[in-house]
């Protein structure tokens, strides 16, 4: 629930995966990505479909491994990669512009 406070400041509702989807995400992260195995795109898409049914506009990729799944194909979902956001904020804070 690390993003809740900031989301509330901007009147953004945060939706979390249910237990089944969370288990699926953990399986993708630990049993597949971290194990060096290919991720079943359809498994990930299934999880994303459940978020869309709940009315989400975007999915926050809060784990450093999840952006690796995106390289495996096209997904009809808007993603927010927290590492990308953090890297851009650091560059800006250092006084430089992000290209």
Protein backbone atom coordinates (compact mmCIF):
# COMPACT_ATOMS: atom_id res chain seq x y z
CA UNK A 1 0.00 0.00 0.00
CA UNK A 2 2.99 2.23 -0.63
CA UNK A 3 1.23 4.42 -3.21
CA UNK A 4 -2.06 4.98 -1.36
CA UNK A 5 -1.23 8.28 0.31
CA UNK A 6 0.11 9.91 -2.85
CA UNK A 7 -2.80 8.62 -4.93
CA UNK A 8 -5.32 10.02 -2.45
CA UNK A 9 -3.65 13.45 -2.70
CA UNK A 10 -4.55 13.43 -6.39
CA UNK A 11 -8.00 11.84 -5.97
CA UNK A 12 -6.89 8.64 -7.70
CA UNK A 13 -8.54 5.44 -6.57
CA UNK A 14 -6.11 2.58 -6.02
CA UNK A 15 -7.27 -0.92 -6.93
CA UNK A 16 -5.25 -3.90 -5.75
CA UNK A 17 -5.21 -7.41 -7.14
CA UNK A 18 -7.43 -9.92 -5.38
CA UNK A 19 -5.76 -12.94 -3.75
CA UNK A 20 -5.90 -15.05 -6.91
CA UNK A 21 -4.38 -12.35 -9.12
CA UNK A 22 -1.74 -11.54 -6.49
CA UNK A 23 -0.79 -15.21 -6.38
CA UNK A 24 -0.55 -15.22 -10.18
CA UNK A 25 1.68 -12.11 -10.17
CA UNK A 26 3.93 -13.64 -7.52
CA UNK A 27 4.16 -16.83 -9.60
CA UNK A 28 5.17 -14.77 -12.64
CA UNK A 29 7.81 -12.88 -10.66
CA UNK A 30 9.37 -15.67 -8.60
CA UNK A 31 8.70 -18.90 -10.46
CA UNK A 32 9.21 -17.57 -13.97
CA UNK A 33 11.12 -14.27 -14.29
CA UNK A 34 13.53 -14.76 -11.38
CA UNK A 35 13.99 -18.39 -12.38
CA UNK A 36 15.02 -17.30 -15.88
CA UNK A 37 12.01 -18.92 -17.54
CA UNK A 38 9.80 -17.50 -20.26
CA UNK A 39 6.65 -15.84 -19.01
CA UNK A 40 3.38 -17.06 -20.43
CA UNK A 41 2.02 -13.83 -21.91
CA UNK A 42 -1.54 -15.10 -21.71
CA UNK A 43 -1.18 -15.64 -17.97
CA UNK A 44 -0.12 -12.02 -17.53
CA UNK A 45 -2.87 -10.82 -19.88
CA UNK A 46 -5.41 -12.73 -17.77
CA UNK A 47 -4.34 -10.76 -14.72
CA UNK A 48 -4.53 -7.50 -16.68
CA UNK A 49 -8.00 -8.39 -17.93
CA UNK A 50 -9.20 -8.66 -14.35
CA UNK A 51 -7.91 -5.16 -13.64
CA UNK A 52 -9.67 -3.79 -16.72
CA UNK A 53 -12.93 -5.35 -15.55
CA UNK A 54 -12.51 -3.40 -12.32
CA UNK A 55 -12.24 -0.18 -14.35
CA UNK A 56 -8.54 0.60 -14.09
CA UNK A 57 -6.98 3.20 -16.37
CA UNK A 58 -3.39 2.07 -15.77
CA UNK A 59 -1.44 -0.62 -13.96
CA UNK A 60 1.50 0.28 -11.74
CA UNK A 61 4.41 -2.08 -12.20
CA UNK A 62 5.67 -1.91 -8.64
CA UNK A 63 8.15 -4.75 -8.97
CA UNK A 64 11.43 -4.35 -10.84
CA UNK A 65 10.93 -7.65 -12.67
CA UNK A 66 7.52 -6.95 -14.20
CA UNK A 67 8.71 -4.56 -16.95
CA UNK A 68 10.64 -7.55 -18.33
CA UNK A 69 7.30 -9.15 -19.22
CA UNK A 70 6.41 -6.14 -21.38
CA UNK A 71 9.34 -6.87 -23.68
CA UNK A 72 7.71 -10.16 -24.61
CA UNK A 73 4.81 -8.70 -26.52
CA UNK A 74 2.14 -6.10 -26.98
CA UNK A 75 -0.28 -5.47 -24.19
CA UNK A 76 -3.42 -3.37 -24.52
CA UNK A 77 -2.84 -1.70 -21.16
CA UNK A 78 -1.28 1.53 -19.94
CA UNK A 79 1.58 0.80 -17.55
CA UNK A 80 3.41 2.96 -15.04
CA UNK A 81 6.89 1.57 -14.40
CA UNK A 82 7.97 2.81 -10.96
CA UNK A 83 11.66 2.47 -11.80
CA UNK A 84 11.21 4.58 -14.92
CA UNK A 85 9.35 7.23 -12.91
CA UNK A 86 12.03 7.16 -10.20
CA UNK A 87 14.89 7.43 -12.72
CA UNK A 88 13.26 10.44 -14.42
CA UNK A 89 12.65 12.13 -11.07
CA UNK A 90 16.30 11.65 -10.08
CA UNK A 91 17.52 13.13 -13.37
CA UNK A 92 15.17 16.11 -12.94
CA UNK A 93 16.18 16.57 -9.29
CA UNK A 94 19.83 16.62 -10.38
CA UNK A 95 18.96 19.59 -12.61
CA UNK A 96 18.96 17.83 -15.96
CA UNK A 97 16.19 17.26 -18.48
CA UNK A 98 15.01 13.79 -19.39
CA UNK A 99 15.44 13.10 -23.09
